[in-house]
Amino acid sequence: MTRRDGAAGSTLVAAWPVSDPRLLSPDGPASPASQFSPVARLARPLYQRLIPKALEGGFAVKTIQGAGFECPWHAHPEFELILVLKSKGYRIVADDISAIKRGDLVLLGSNVPHIWKHDPEAPGSAGVEAILLQFDPGLLGEKLMSLPAFVPIRRLLERAGRGLHFFGPTQAAVAERLRQMQAMTPFEQFIHFLEILGVLAESSHCHALASPGWAPNPVHFDQERMNRVLAFIHGSYDQGVRLRDAARVMNLSESAFSRFFRLHAGKTFPCFINELRIGRACRLLIETDKTVTEISYECGFSNLSNFNRQFLRAKQVSPRAFRGQIHARLGSAA
């Protein structure tokens, strides 16, 4: 993956510890070598702060290009605004799982666990391109943030603790500013940075991603082990992945694994797997001509009736009706 840094940044580094990228990457299988001893695990930080030099101006803009997103499931104190220019797949923000596509714009608050996952097998998939704007929580200072003019921005940053997805005219306005920032001087970038915060703060075209009860908890967050189970899930969720298999990967009993997963993902393991499968099914219903039966088996459901029942519960419509509604909307917009 190639990263191009903006003028305000310098050498940008990963916001997570990587001694062997194969152990943490969701793109590869979990390795037996990733089963570190308790001592080694305690020696490795769970939450990571971006190296100060990477945010020496208080914020940094960078472009990501490559075959996929290299980031594992991770979190950091810095805020992050992510604009996807090219990718098909899904993102997980705290306990929310959603599909991503071109134009996806998300603001993440401090210590919100997240991962963006590209699906190279998706129809029309052609790699990844994204723009990231990262900034320090204390960049603007307490005095500035206490001014009446900055109250909307302060509230925006508070709301970002659940992750915020922006769309419509807000997305278009911010995406244009992010593209322009790539060739600007540090001072010009800072002015644009404030403008972006202002646009986001005044927007009604957004919704929170994580559930209302979500609260980041760095003390109990085990990033290393969560990466291992996510790598296992990504390679198996379209098949007959079972809780006991995931527990075995983690060297935990089924009950201990269930407690661990719910603490970190905010939902049960079966619910998490089901949401991933339904999300993939939605994309296949929209982007392919495969039959509902073919899609149900391809997404890991054991039989068609179970697929129809789970899909109806999640989307309030049947798979066939969902496809018809989407195609009708696309047809009317053509």
Protein backbone atom coordinates (compact mmCIF):
# COMPACT_ATOMS: atom_id res chain seq x y z
CA MET A 1 0.00 0.00 0.00
CA THR A 2 1.25 3.50 -0.84
CA ARG A 3 0.77 6.49 1.44
CA ARG A 4 1.25 10.08 0.28
CA ASP A 5 1.53 12.57 3.12
CA GLY A 6 0.02 16.02 2.99
CA ALA A 7 2.05 19.15 3.62
CA ALA A 8 0.93 19.39 7.25
CA GLY A 9 2.20 15.92 8.07
CA SER A 10 5.52 14.22 7.92
CA THR A 11 6.47 10.56 8.09
CA LEU A 12 3.25 8.81 8.97
CA VAL A 13 3.31 5.53 10.84
CA ALA A 14 0.81 2.86 11.67
CA ALA A 15 -1.35 3.52 14.73
CA TRP A 16 -0.89 -0.04 15.97
CA PRO A 17 2.05 -2.25 16.95
CA VAL A 18 3.34 -4.51 14.20
CA SER A 19 6.17 -6.91 14.92
CA ASP A 20 5.04 -9.28 12.15
CA PRO A 21 2.39 -7.80 9.81
CA ARG A 22 1.05 -11.29 9.03
CA LEU A 23 -0.09 -11.67 12.64
CA LEU A 24 -2.19 -8.51 12.70
CA SER A 25 -3.40 -8.17 9.13
CA PRO A 26 -7.06 -9.11 8.54
CA ASP A 27 -6.02 -10.05 5.00
CA GLY A 28 -4.15 -13.15 6.09
CA PRO A 29 -4.90 -16.20 8.22
CA ALA A 30 -4.20 -16.15 11.93
CA SER A 31 -0.80 -17.66 12.59
CA PRO A 32 0.02 -20.03 15.48
CA ALA A 33 2.91 -17.69 16.19
CA SER A 34 0.39 -14.99 17.12
CA GLN A 35 -0.41 -16.83 20.35
CA PHE A 36 1.90 -14.69 22.46
CA SER A 37 2.67 -15.46 26.10
CA PRO A 38 0.91 -13.38 28.80
CA VAL A 39 4.15 -11.53 29.46
CA ALA A 40 4.59 -10.60 25.79
CA ARG A 41 0.96 -9.54 25.57
CA LEU A 42 1.26 -7.20 28.56
CA ALA A 43 4.39 -5.68 27.03
CA ARG A 44 2.53 -4.64 23.90
CA PRO A 45 0.27 -1.57 24.06
CA LEU A 46 -3.43 -2.12 23.37
CA TYR A 47 -4.29 1.40 22.27
CA GLN A 48 -1.76 3.33 20.21
CA ARG A 49 -1.07 7.05 19.84
CA LEU A 50 0.24 8.27 16.50
CA ILE A 51 3.92 9.15 16.85
CA PRO A 52 4.09 12.93 17.61
CA LYS A 53 6.21 13.62 14.54
CA ALA A 54 3.41 12.29 12.35
CA LEU A 55 1.12 15.02 13.70
CA GLU A 56 3.72 17.70 14.30
CA GLY A 57 1.32 20.33 12.99
CA GLY A 58 -1.53 18.98 15.11
CA PHE A 59 -3.09 17.29 12.11
CA ALA A 60 -2.07 15.36 9.00
CA VAL A 61 -3.61 14.53 5.63
CA LYS A 62 -2.63 11.42 3.72
CA THR A 63 -3.77 9.43 0.73
CA ILE A 64 -3.95 5.64 0.83
CA GLN A 65 -3.67 3.59 -2.36
CA GLY A 66 -3.23 -0.14 -2.74
CA ALA A 67 -4.82 -3.54 -3.05
CA GLY A 68 -6.56 -3.23 0.32
CA PHE A 69 -6.72 -1.47 3.67
CA GLU A 70 -3.76 -2.61 5.73
CA CYS A 71 -5.18 -1.47 9.08
CA PRO A 72 -6.19 -4.18 11.55
CA TRP A 73 -8.90 -3.72 14.16
CA HIS A 74 -7.42 -0.82 16.13
CA ALA A 75 -8.08 2.42 17.97
CA HIS A 76 -6.13 5.57 18.83
CA PRO A 77 -6.71 8.82 20.76
CA GLU A 78 -6.54 10.95 17.60
CA PHE A 79 -9.70 11.88 15.68
CA GLU A 80 -9.89 10.59 12.12
CA LEU A 81 -11.95 11.61 9.09
CA ILE A 82 -11.96 8.94 6.36
CA LEU A 83 -13.12 9.50 2.78
CA VAL A 84 -13.23 6.42 0.56
CA LEU A 85 -12.52 7.29 -3.06
CA LYS A 86 -12.42 3.71 -4.28
CA SER A 87 -13.29 0.44 -2.52
CA LYS A 88 -16.01 -2.14 -2.02
CA GLY A 89 -16.29 -4.05 1.21
CA TYR A 90 -17.34 -3.24 4.74
CA ARG A 91 -16.31 -1.28 7.81
CA ILE A 92 -16.73 -2.04 11.48
CA VAL A 93 -16.99 0.95 13.82
CA ALA A 94 -17.45 -0.14 17.43
CA ASP A 95 -20.55 -2.36 17.24
CA ASP A 96 -21.72 -1.21 13.78
CA ILE A 97 -21.10 -3.18 10.59
CA SER A 98 -21.86 -1.40 7.29
CA ALA A 99 -20.99 -1.72 3.62
CA ILE A 100 -18.58 0.79 2.11
CA LYS A 101 -18.44 2.18 -1.38
CA ARG A 102 -17.09 5.18 -3.26
CA GLY A 103 -17.76 8.41 -1.37
CA ASP A 104 -18.15 6.87 2.09
CA LEU A 105 -17.30 9.55 4.68
CA VAL A 106 -16.91 8.78 8.40
CA LEU A 107 -15.64 10.81 11.37
CA LEU A 108 -14.21 8.81 14.27
CA GLY A 109 -13.71 10.15 17.78
CA SER A 110 -10.97 9.24 20.23
CA ASN A 111 -10.46 5.56 21.03
CA VAL A 112 -13.24 4.23 18.81
CA PRO A 113 -12.19 0.74 17.60
CA HIS A 114 -12.51 0.38 13.84
CA ILE A 115 -11.46 -1.51 10.75
CA TRP A 116 -12.05 -0.94 7.02
CA LYS A 117 -12.03 -4.14 4.96
CA HIS A 118 -11.81 -4.24 1.16
CA ASP A 119 -13.35 -7.15 -0.75
CA PRO A 120 -11.20 -7.84 -3.83
CA GLU A 121 -13.80 -10.35 -5.10
CA ALA A 122 -16.65 -7.85 -5.21
CA PRO A 123 -18.00 -7.11 -8.72
CA GLY A 124 -16.10 -4.17 -10.20
CA SER A 125 -13.55 -4.16 -7.40
CA ALA A 126 -10.35 -2.34 -8.38
CA GLY A 127 -8.28 -1.75 -5.27
CA VAL A 128 -8.42 0.93 -2.61
CA GLU A 129 -8.00 4.69 -2.59
CA ALA A 130 -8.89 6.90 0.37
CA ILE A 131 -8.04 10.21 2.01
CA LEU A 132 -7.44 10.35 5.77
CA LEU A 133 -7.44 13.47 7.92
CA GLN A 134 -6.09 12.80 11.41
CA PHE A 135 -5.92 15.41 14.18
CA ASP A 136 -5.01 15.65 17.83
CA PRO A 137 -7.93 16.03 20.29
CA GLY A 138 -6.23 19.03 21.93
CA LEU A 139 -5.30 20.80 18.69
CA LEU A 140 -7.69 23.73 19.08
CA GLY A 141 -7.17 24.19 22.83
CA GLU A 142 -9.66 24.67 25.65
CA LYS A 143 -9.93 28.47 25.32
CA LEU A 144 -10.74 28.35 21.63
CA MET A 145 -13.22 25.50 22.05
CA SER A 146 -15.00 27.41 24.83
CA LEU A 147 -15.81 30.35 22.52
CA PRO A 148 -19.46 30.57 21.37
CA ALA A 149 -18.42 30.24 17.71
CA PHE A 150 -16.82 26.86 18.45
CA VAL A 151 -19.65 25.35 20.47
CA PRO A 152 -21.02 23.44 17.42
CA ILE A 153 -17.56 21.99 16.74
CA ARG A 154 -17.15 20.94 20.35
CA ARG A 155 -20.50 19.15 20.19
CA LEU A 156 -19.51 17.53 16.89
CA LEU A 157 -16.38 16.06 18.46
CA GLU A 158 -18.39 14.78 21.41
CA ARG A 159 -20.86 13.05 19.08
CA ALA A 160 -17.96 11.52 17.13
CA GLY A 161 -17.45 9.16 20.07
CA ARG A 162 -20.02 6.90 18.38
CA GLY A 163 -18.62 7.41 14.87
CA LEU A 164 -20.54 9.63 12.44
CA HIS A 165 -21.42 8.80 8.83
CA PHE A 166 -22.00 11.84 6.57
CA PHE A 167 -23.88 11.85 3.28
CA GLY A 168 -25.65 14.09 0.76
CA PRO A 169 -24.49 17.70 0.31
CA THR A 170 -22.27 17.49 3.40
CA GLN A 171 -20.34 14.57 1.94
CA ALA A 172 -19.91 16.38 -1.39
CA ALA A 173 -18.69 19.60 0.22
CA VAL A 174 -16.21 17.89 2.55
CA ALA A 175 -14.94 15.50 -0.13
CA GLU A 176 -14.08 18.45 -2.38
CA ARG A 177 -12.18 20.20 0.42
CA LEU A 178 -10.24 17.06 1.29
CA ARG A 179 -9.15 16.64 -2.33
CA GLN A 180 -7.99 20.26 -2.48
CA MET A 181 -5.92 19.93 0.70
CA GLN A 182 -3.47 17.55 -0.95
CA ALA A 183 -1.63 20.35 -2.79
CA MET A 184 -1.90 23.13 -0.17
CA THR A 185 0.59 24.74 2.17
CA PRO A 186 0.31 23.91 5.90
CA PHE A 187 -1.43 27.23 6.61
CA GLU A 188 -3.94 26.72 3.79
CA GLN A 189 -4.56 23.18 5.00
CA PHE A 190 -5.31 24.44 8.51
CA ILE A 191 -7.88 26.93 7.19
CA HIS A 192 -9.52 24.14 5.18
CA PHE A 193 -9.40 21.90 8.25
CA LEU A 194 -11.43 24.46 10.24
CA GLU A 195 -13.86 24.85 7.34
CA ILE A 196 -14.38 21.09 7.22
CA LEU A 197 -15.12 20.96 10.95
CA GLY A 198 -17.57 23.82 10.49
CA VAL A 199 -19.40 22.06 7.65
CA LEU A 200 -19.61 18.81 9.61
CA ALA A 201 -20.73 20.58 12.79
CA GLU A 202 -23.67 22.31 11.08
CA SER A 203 -24.76 19.26 9.07
CA SER A 204 -28.02 17.39 9.51
CA HIS A 205 -26.97 14.87 6.85
CA CYS A 206 -25.35 12.39 9.21
CA HIS A 207 -26.13 9.56 11.57
CA ALA A 208 -24.31 7.90 14.44
CA LEU A 209 -22.85 4.46 13.76
CA ALA A 210 -22.31 2.83 17.16
CA SER A 211 -25.25 2.07 19.43
CA PRO A 212 -26.15 4.66 22.11
CA GLY A 213 -24.75 2.48 24.86
CA TRP A 214 -21.35 2.20 23.24
CA ALA A 215 -18.46 3.56 25.29
CA PRO A 216 -14.79 3.06 24.32
CA ASN A 217 -12.91 1.28 27.10
CA PRO A 218 -9.13 1.24 26.50
CA VAL A 219 -8.48 -0.60 29.76
CA HIS A 220 -10.33 -3.75 28.72
CA PHE A 221 -9.66 -3.62 24.99
CA ASP A 222 -7.37 -6.42 23.80
CA GLN A 223 -6.45 -5.33 20.28
CA GLU A 224 -4.07 -8.18 19.57
CA ARG A 225 -6.52 -10.99 20.32
CA MET A 226 -9.40 -9.22 18.59
CA ASN A 227 -7.31 -8.99 15.43
CA ARG A 228 -6.79 -12.74 15.49
CA VAL A 229 -10.46 -13.56 15.78
CA LEU A 230 -11.39 -11.02 13.07
CA ALA A 231 -8.85 -12.59 10.72
CA PHE A 232 -10.42 -15.97 11.38
CA ILE A 233 -13.95 -14.62 10.87
CA HIS A 234 -13.10 -12.87 7.60
CA GLY A 235 -11.71 -16.07 6.16
CA SER A 236 -14.61 -18.22 7.30
CA TYR A 237 -17.85 -16.28 7.71
CA ASP A 238 -19.18 -17.29 4.29
CA GLN A 239 -18.78 -20.91 5.36
CA GLY A 240 -19.93 -22.82 8.41
CA VAL A 241 -17.99 -20.77 10.97
CA ARG A 242 -18.87 -21.89 14.50
CA LEU A 243 -18.37 -20.32 17.88
CA ARG A 244 -16.36 -23.28 19.15
CA ASP A 245 -13.94 -22.94 16.20
CA ALA A 246 -13.40 -19.26 16.94
CA ALA A 247 -12.93 -20.05 20.63
CA ARG A 248 -10.31 -22.64 19.72
CA VAL A 249 -8.38 -20.05 17.70
CA MET A 250 -8.28 -17.88 20.83
CA ASN A 251 -7.42 -20.78 23.18
CA LEU A 252 -10.53 -19.96 25.23
CA SER A 253 -13.52 -21.95 26.38
CA GLU A 254 -16.75 -21.20 24.53
CA SER A 255 -18.22 -19.30 27.48
CA ALA A 256 -15.03 -17.25 28.00
CA PHE A 257 -14.83 -16.47 24.29
CA SER A 258 -18.48 -15.38 24.23
CA ARG A 259 -17.84 -12.93 27.07
CA PHE A 260 -14.64 -11.65 25.42
CA PHE A 261 -16.31 -11.12 22.04
CA ARG A 262 -19.36 -9.35 23.43
CA LEU A 263 -17.14 -7.02 25.46
CA HIS A 264 -15.11 -6.05 22.38
CA ALA A 265 -17.72 -6.10 19.61
CA GLY A 266 -20.74 -4.94 21.58
CA LYS A 267 -22.82 -7.88 20.34
CA THR A 268 -22.86 -11.66 20.43
CA PHE A 269 -20.73 -13.73 18.09
CA PRO A 270 -23.75 -15.21 16.20
CA CYS A 271 -25.24 -11.73 15.76
CA PHE A 272 -21.94 -10.39 14.44
CA ILE A 273 -21.55 -13.23 11.93
CA ASN A 274 -25.15 -12.85 10.81
CA GLU A 275 -24.72 -9.11 10.16
CA LEU A 276 -21.63 -9.76 8.05
CA ARG A 277 -23.48 -12.37 6.00
CA ILE A 278 -26.56 -10.19 5.52
CA GLY A 279 -24.36 -7.28 4.48
CA ARG A 280 -22.62 -9.36 1.84
CA ALA A 281 -25.96 -10.73 0.67
CA CYS A 282 -27.27 -7.18 0.17
CA ARG A 283 -24.33 -6.33 -2.05
CA LEU A 284 -24.74 -9.49 -4.12
CA LEU A 285 -28.46 -8.84 -4.52
CA ILE A 286 -27.71 -5.36 -5.82
CA GLU A 287 -24.63 -5.99 -7.95
CA THR A 288 -25.15 -9.48 -9.41
CA ASP A 289 -27.81 -11.53 -11.19
CA LYS A 290 -27.30 -14.53 -8.93
CA THR A 291 -30.45 -16.16 -7.62
CA VAL A 292 -31.55 -15.71 -4.02
CA THR A 293 -30.75 -19.38 -3.40
CA GLU A 294 -27.23 -19.04 -4.80
CA ILE A 295 -26.61 -15.95 -2.69
CA SER A 296 -27.89 -17.60 0.48
CA TYR A 297 -25.40 -20.47 0.17
CA GLU A 298 -22.56 -18.21 -0.96
CA CYS A 299 -23.02 -16.11 2.19
CA GLY A 300 -22.86 -19.11 4.48
CA PHE A 301 -26.51 -19.82 5.26
CA SER A 302 -27.31 -23.51 5.60
CA ASN A 303 -30.71 -23.30 3.91
CA LEU A 304 -32.88 -20.84 2.03
CA SER A 305 -35.64 -20.58 4.62
CA ASN A 306 -33.16 -19.56 7.33
CA PHE A 307 -31.66 -16.96 4.99
CA ASN A 308 -35.08 -15.50 4.17
CA ARG A 309 -36.02 -15.38 7.86
CA GLN A 310 -32.76 -13.72 8.95
CA PHE A 311 -32.84 -11.24 6.07
CA LEU A 312 -36.44 -10.25 6.83
CA ARG A 313 -35.57 -9.72 10.47
CA ALA A 314 -32.60 -7.48 9.59
CA LYS A 315 -34.06 -5.51 6.66
CA GLN A 316 -37.83 -5.77 7.23
CA VAL A 317 -38.23 -7.02 3.64
CA SER A 318 -37.49 -10.32 1.90
CA PRO A 319 -34.33 -10.67 -0.22
CA ARG A 320 -36.40 -10.72 -3.40
CA ALA A 321 -38.33 -7.58 -2.39
CA PHE A 322 -35.11 -5.86 -1.38
CA ARG A 323 -33.60 -6.49 -4.79
CA GLY A 324 -36.76 -5.23 -6.50
CA GLN A 325 -36.84 -2.04 -4.44
CA ILE A 326 -33.18 -1.23 -5.11
CA HIS A 327 -33.45 -1.90 -8.83
CA ALA A 328 -36.59 0.25 -9.01
CA ARG A 329 -34.79 3.14 -7.29
CA LEU A 330 -31.78 2.80 -9.55
CA GLY A 331 -34.02 2.69 -12.59
CA SER A 332 -35.90 5.83 -11.58
CA ALA A 333 -32.63 7.64 -10.95
CA ALA A 334 -31.21 6.74 -14.35
